[in-house]
Amino acid sequence: MSTTTQFCTMQMGINPLTGGCDLVIAPSGNGRGRIGIDRTPASSLLIAIGTDRRAEPDDITPDMQTAPAGAMAGIFSRRGWVGDILLPAGQRLGSRVWLYERGKRDETTRAEVAAALSEAVVAIEDYHGIEIAVTAQWSTKQRDWLNGTVSALGVSLTTQVQTL
């Protein structure tokens, strides 16, 4: 029987007007507020799928997919979070879904996006002892958009990748 570690993180949310992600401030009176506390996996999953993980040395970044032969990748083309150097044993934060922004609309791209999402949430699964369902499906409303969804404990989050 596996044990489950409870969630207790700073609450993250999406601003519906700007589409930006930020900390949620819960009003506490007199125009003041406090950082909201999230006891669900929502904030952890939002950070995992909404943050760009650094590309591996053998990954082909989107800017290099259409670059002329012999071109060199830019210094910042592998993206990622600088704080990864502080994580133990080469652990990385975020997902490599961004690598598929110029991918083809085919089964290989869909499967690789699902694998990138699984890679992004595996640390959350291990630490909290929960199962996170990952799916990637082509949008029925927008051609060439791939919707990747992660779900756990009644919380579902979706990210979109626009392909070629």
C-alpha atoms as a PDB file:
ATOM      1  CA  MET A   1       0.000   0.000   0.000  1.00  0.00           C
ATOM      2  CA  SER A   2       1.526   3.301  -1.059  1.00  0.00           C
ATOM      3  CA  THR A   3       1.363   6.369   1.128  1.00  0.00           C
ATOM      4  CA  THR A   4       0.176   9.715  -0.116  1.00  0.00           C
ATOM      5  CA  THR A   5       1.874  12.970   0.821  1.00  0.00           C
ATOM      6  CA  GLN A   6      -0.586  15.842   1.148  1.00  0.00           C
ATOM      7  CA  PHE A   7      -0.362  18.879  -1.096  1.00  0.00           C
ATOM      8  CA  CYS A   8       0.301  22.235   0.526  1.00  0.00           C
ATOM      9  CA  THR A   9       1.740  24.761  -1.923  1.00  0.00           C
ATOM     10  CA  MET A  10       1.358  28.396  -2.833  1.00  0.00           C
ATOM     11  CA  GLN A  11      -1.680  28.654  -5.072  1.00  0.00           C
ATOM     12  CA  MET A  12      -1.095  29.457  -8.728  1.00  0.00           C
ATOM     13  CA  GLY A  13      -3.808  30.619 -11.088  1.00  0.00           C
ATOM     14  CA  ILE A  14      -4.401  31.783 -14.645  1.00  0.00           C
ATOM     15  CA  ASN A  15      -5.640  35.331 -15.172  1.00  0.00           C
ATOM     16  CA  PRO A  16      -8.533  34.935 -17.647  1.00  0.00           C
ATOM     17  CA  LEU A  17      -7.968  38.410 -19.114  1.00  0.00           C
ATOM     18  CA  THR A  18      -4.239  38.176 -19.817  1.00  0.00           C
ATOM     19  CA  GLY A  19      -3.707  34.422 -19.909  1.00  0.00           C
ATOM     20  CA  GLY A  20      -0.751  34.876 -17.551  1.00  0.00           C
ATOM     21  CA  CYS A  21      -0.024  32.661 -14.583  1.00  0.00           C
ATOM     22  CA  ASP A  22       0.733  34.098 -11.147  1.00  0.00           C
ATOM     23  CA  LEU A  23       0.310  33.592  -7.428  1.00  0.00           C
ATOM     24  CA  VAL A  24      -3.267  33.836  -6.153  1.00  0.00           C
ATOM     25  CA  ILE A  25      -3.826  36.484  -3.494  1.00  0.00           C
ATOM     26  CA  ALA A  26      -6.785  35.715  -1.233  1.00  0.00           C
ATOM     27  CA  PRO A  27      -8.477  38.862   0.136  1.00  0.00           C
ATOM     28  CA  SER A  28      -8.212  39.211   3.909  1.00  0.00           C
ATOM     29  CA  GLY A  29      -9.918  42.594   4.474  1.00  0.00           C
ATOM     30  CA  ASN A  30      -8.983  46.304   4.365  1.00  0.00           C
ATOM     31  CA  GLY A  31      -7.602  45.910   0.843  1.00  0.00           C
ATOM     32  CA  ARG A  32      -5.021  43.424   2.046  1.00  0.00           C
ATOM     33  CA  GLY A  33      -4.466  39.877   0.995  1.00  0.00           C
ATOM     34  CA  ARG A  34      -2.434  36.772   1.632  1.00  0.00           C
ATOM     35  CA  ILE A  35      -0.952  34.249  -0.727  1.00  0.00           C
ATOM     36  CA  GLY A  36      -3.490  31.481  -1.257  1.00  0.00           C
ATOM     37  CA  ILE A  37      -2.660  27.946  -0.170  1.00  0.00           C
ATOM     38  CA  ASP A  38      -3.474  25.114  -2.559  1.00  0.00           C
ATOM     39  CA  ARG A  39      -4.143  21.692  -1.081  1.00  0.00           C
ATOM     40  CA  THR A  40      -4.809  20.122  -4.483  1.00  0.00           C
ATOM     41  CA  PRO A  41      -2.350  19.053  -7.183  1.00  0.00           C
ATOM     42  CA  ALA A  42      -3.486  21.965  -9.430  1.00  0.00           C
ATOM     43  CA  SER A  43      -0.599  24.376  -8.737  1.00  0.00           C
ATOM     44  CA  SER A  44       2.048  21.667  -8.902  1.00  0.00           C
ATOM     45  CA  LEU A  45       0.670  20.397 -12.209  1.00  0.00           C
ATOM     46  CA  LEU A  46       0.365  23.927 -13.588  1.00  0.00           C
ATOM     47  CA  ILE A  47       4.040  24.585 -12.904  1.00  0.00           C
ATOM     48  CA  ALA A  48       5.054  21.177 -14.298  1.00  0.00           C
ATOM     49  CA  ILE A  49       3.265  21.544 -17.636  1.00  0.00           C
ATOM     50  CA  GLY A  50       3.511  25.315 -17.983  1.00  0.00           C
ATOM     51  CA  THR A  51       7.261  25.667 -17.490  1.00  0.00           C
ATOM     52  CA  ASP A  52       9.763  24.992 -20.258  1.00  0.00           C
ATOM     53  CA  ARG A  53      12.163  22.211 -19.345  1.00  0.00           C
ATOM     54  CA  ARG A  54      15.678  22.533 -20.741  1.00  0.00           C
ATOM     55  CA  ALA A  55      16.150  20.570 -23.953  1.00  0.00           C
ATOM     56  CA  GLU A  56      18.500  17.610 -23.874  1.00  0.00           C
ATOM     57  CA  PRO A  57      21.719  17.966 -25.914  1.00  0.00           C
ATOM     58  CA  ASP A  58      20.354  15.649 -28.627  1.00  0.00           C
ATOM     59  CA  ASP A  59      16.931  17.365 -28.887  1.00  0.00           C
ATOM     60  CA  ILE A  60      16.217  19.355 -32.037  1.00  0.00           C
ATOM     61  CA  THR A  61      14.785  22.714 -30.996  1.00  0.00           C
ATOM     62  CA  PRO A  62      11.975  24.292 -33.063  1.00  0.00           C
ATOM     63  CA  ASP A  63      14.233  27.049 -34.425  1.00  0.00           C
ATOM     64  CA  MET A  64      16.654  24.441 -35.794  1.00  0.00           C
ATOM     65  CA  GLN A  65      13.946  22.394 -37.567  1.00  0.00           C
ATOM     66  CA  THR A  66      13.667  25.016 -40.299  1.00  0.00           C
ATOM     67  CA  ALA A  67      17.199  26.435 -40.139  1.00  0.00           C
ATOM     68  CA  PRO A  68      19.497  26.172 -43.160  1.00  0.00           C
ATOM     69  CA  ALA A  69      22.042  23.357 -43.214  1.00  0.00           C
ATOM     70  CA  GLY A  70      25.125  24.134 -41.130  1.00  0.00           C
ATOM     71  CA  ALA A  71      23.376  26.748 -38.966  1.00  0.00           C
ATOM     72  CA  MET A  72      24.308  26.871 -35.290  1.00  0.00           C
ATOM     73  CA  ALA A  73      21.704  26.948 -32.523  1.00  0.00           C
ATOM     74  CA  GLY A  74      21.452  30.169 -30.540  1.00  0.00           C
ATOM     75  CA  ILE A  75      22.841  30.352 -27.018  1.00  0.00           C
ATOM     76  CA  PHE A  76      19.356  30.378 -25.468  1.00  0.00           C
ATOM     77  CA  SER A  77      17.673  27.958 -27.870  1.00  0.00           C
ATOM     78  CA  ARG A  78      17.582  25.108 -25.314  1.00  0.00           C
ATOM     79  CA  ARG A  79      15.440  27.207 -22.895  1.00  0.00           C
ATOM     80  CA  GLY A  80      14.873  25.857 -19.378  1.00  0.00           C
ATOM     81  CA  TRP A  81      14.986  27.225 -15.868  1.00  0.00           C
ATOM     82  CA  VAL A  82      18.318  28.387 -14.477  1.00  0.00           C
ATOM     83  CA  GLY A  83      17.308  27.054 -11.039  1.00  0.00           C
ATOM     84  CA  ASP A  84      17.615  23.483 -12.349  1.00  0.00           C
ATOM     85  CA  ILE A  85      21.264  23.570 -11.280  1.00  0.00           C
ATOM     86  CA  LEU A  86      20.043  23.613  -7.660  1.00  0.00           C
ATOM     87  CA  LEU A  87      17.905  20.494  -8.013  1.00  0.00           C
ATOM     88  CA  PRO A  88      19.350  17.145  -6.907  1.00  0.00           C
ATOM     89  CA  ALA A  89      20.889  14.578  -9.260  1.00  0.00           C
ATOM     90  CA  GLY A  90      20.270  16.407 -12.520  1.00  0.00           C
ATOM     91  CA  GLN A  91      16.537  16.679 -11.895  1.00  0.00           C
ATOM     92  CA  ARG A  92      14.726  19.114 -14.231  1.00  0.00           C
ATOM     93  CA  LEU A  93      11.607  21.214 -13.750  1.00  0.00           C
ATOM     94  CA  GLY A  94       8.941  21.678 -16.435  1.00  0.00           C
ATOM     95  CA  SER A  95       8.043  19.954 -19.671  1.00  0.00           C
ATOM     96  CA  ARG A  96       9.669  19.625 -23.065  1.00  0.00           C
ATOM     97  CA  VAL A  97       6.329  20.067 -24.859  1.00  0.00           C
ATOM     98  CA  TRP A  98       7.673  23.302 -26.373  1.00  0.00           C
ATOM     99  CA  LEU A  99       9.991  21.208 -28.564  1.00  0.00           C
ATOM    100  CA  TYR A 100       6.994  20.106 -30.653  1.00  0.00           C
ATOM    101  CA  GLU A 101       5.773  23.605 -31.604  1.00  0.00           C
ATOM    102  CA  ARG A 102       6.781  22.969 -35.202  1.00  0.00           C
ATOM    103  CA  GLY A 103       6.083  19.260 -35.240  1.00  0.00           C
ATOM    104  CA  LYS A 104       4.016  17.487 -37.872  1.00  0.00           C
ATOM    105  CA  ARG A 105       0.400  16.515 -37.350  1.00  0.00           C
ATOM    106  CA  ASP A 106       1.033  12.795 -36.970  1.00  0.00           C
ATOM    107  CA  GLU A 107       0.921   9.992 -34.436  1.00  0.00           C
ATOM    108  CA  THR A 108       4.643  10.338 -33.626  1.00  0.00           C
ATOM    109  CA  THR A 109       4.218  13.958 -32.516  1.00  0.00           C
ATOM    110  CA  ARG A 110       1.127  13.094 -30.462  1.00  0.00           C
ATOM    111  CA  ALA A 111       2.940  10.238 -28.699  1.00  0.00           C
ATOM    112  CA  GLU A 112       6.039  12.371 -28.040  1.00  0.00           C
ATOM    113  CA  VAL A 113       3.955  15.181 -26.519  1.00  0.00           C
ATOM    114  CA  ALA A 114       2.251  12.634 -24.234  1.00  0.00           C
ATOM    115  CA  ALA A 115       5.698  11.304 -23.244  1.00  0.00           C
ATOM    116  CA  ALA A 116       6.963  14.840 -22.557  1.00  0.00           C
ATOM    117  CA  LEU A 117       3.961  15.492 -20.289  1.00  0.00           C
ATOM    118  CA  SER A 118       4.522  12.189 -18.465  1.00  0.00           C
ATOM    119  CA  GLU A 119       8.171  13.126 -17.966  1.00  0.00           C
ATOM    120  CA  ALA A 120       7.083  16.498 -16.520  1.00  0.00           C
ATOM    121  CA  VAL A 121       4.769  15.031 -13.879  1.00  0.00           C
ATOM    122  CA  VAL A 122       6.683  11.902 -12.836  1.00  0.00           C
ATOM    123  CA  ALA A 123       8.364  13.693  -9.903  1.00  0.00           C
ATOM    124  CA  ILE A 124       4.940  14.789  -8.605  1.00  0.00           C
ATOM    125  CA  GLU A 125       3.639  11.223  -8.904  1.00  0.00           C
ATOM    126  CA  ASP A 126       6.642   9.813  -7.045  1.00  0.00           C
ATOM    127  CA  TYR A 127       6.742  12.400  -4.272  1.00  0.00           C
ATOM    128  CA  HIS A 128       3.015  12.454  -3.529  1.00  0.00           C
ATOM    129  CA  GLY A 129       2.324   8.775  -4.233  1.00  0.00           C
ATOM    130  CA  ILE A 130      -0.490   9.465  -6.687  1.00  0.00           C
ATOM    131  CA  GLU A 131      -1.289   8.466 -10.249  1.00  0.00           C
ATOM    132  CA  ILE A 132      -1.468  11.184 -12.877  1.00  0.00           C
ATOM    133  CA  ALA A 133      -3.294  10.407 -16.115  1.00  0.00           C
ATOM    134  CA  VAL A 134      -1.745  11.933 -19.240  1.00  0.00           C
ATOM    135  CA  THR A 135      -3.420  12.206 -22.642  1.00  0.00           C
ATOM    136  CA  ALA A 136      -2.633  14.013 -25.882  1.00  0.00           C
ATOM    137  CA  GLN A 137      -5.313  14.441 -28.533  1.00  0.00           C
ATOM    138  CA  TRP A 138      -5.652  16.478 -31.703  1.00  0.00           C
ATOM    139  CA  SER A 139      -8.108  19.336 -31.342  1.00  0.00           C
ATOM    140  CA  THR A 140     -11.435  18.908 -33.101  1.00  0.00           C
ATOM    141  CA  LYS A 141     -11.978  22.687 -33.216  1.00  0.00           C
ATOM    142  CA  GLN A 142      -8.590  23.994 -34.345  1.00  0.00           C
ATOM    143  CA  ARG A 143      -6.591  22.187 -36.999  1.00  0.00           C
ATOM    144  CA  ASP A 144      -2.942  21.584 -36.081  1.00  0.00           C
ATOM    145  CA  TRP A 145      -3.496  22.149 -32.351  1.00  0.00           C
ATOM    146  CA  LEU A 146      -2.592  19.319 -30.014  1.00  0.00           C
ATOM    147  CA  ASN A 147      -4.182  19.296 -26.560  1.00  0.00           C
ATOM    148  CA  GLY A 148      -2.189  17.649 -23.786  1.00  0.00           C
ATOM    149  CA  THR A 149      -4.086  16.952 -20.563  1.00  0.00           C
ATOM    150  CA  VAL A 150      -2.870  15.865 -17.127  1.00  0.00           C
ATOM    151  CA  SER A 151      -5.373  14.744 -14.473  1.00  0.00           C
ATOM    152  CA  ALA A 152      -5.042  13.756 -10.829  1.00  0.00           C
ATOM    153  CA  LEU A 153      -7.347  13.688  -7.809  1.00  0.00           C
ATOM    154  CA  GLY A 154     -10.210  15.391  -9.656  1.00  0.00           C
ATOM    155  CA  VAL A 155      -8.026  18.167 -11.127  1.00  0.00           C
ATOM    156  CA  SER A 156      -7.498  18.378 -14.889  1.00  0.00           C
ATOM    157  CA  LEU A 157      -5.209  20.811 -16.720  1.00  0.00           C
ATOM    158  CA  THR A 158      -4.692  21.172 -20.461  1.00  0.00           C
ATOM    159  CA  THR A 159      -1.869  22.683 -22.469  1.00  0.00           C
ATOM    160  CA  GLN A 160      -1.941  23.327 -26.201  1.00  0.00           C
ATOM    161  CA  VAL A 161       0.799  22.906 -28.796  1.00  0.00           C
ATOM    162  CA  GLN A 162       0.439  24.428 -32.235  1.00  0.00           C
ATOM    163  CA  THR A 163       2.068  22.243 -34.855  1.00  0.00           C
ATOM    164  CA  LEU A 164       2.744  22.767 -38.554  1.00  0.00           C
END
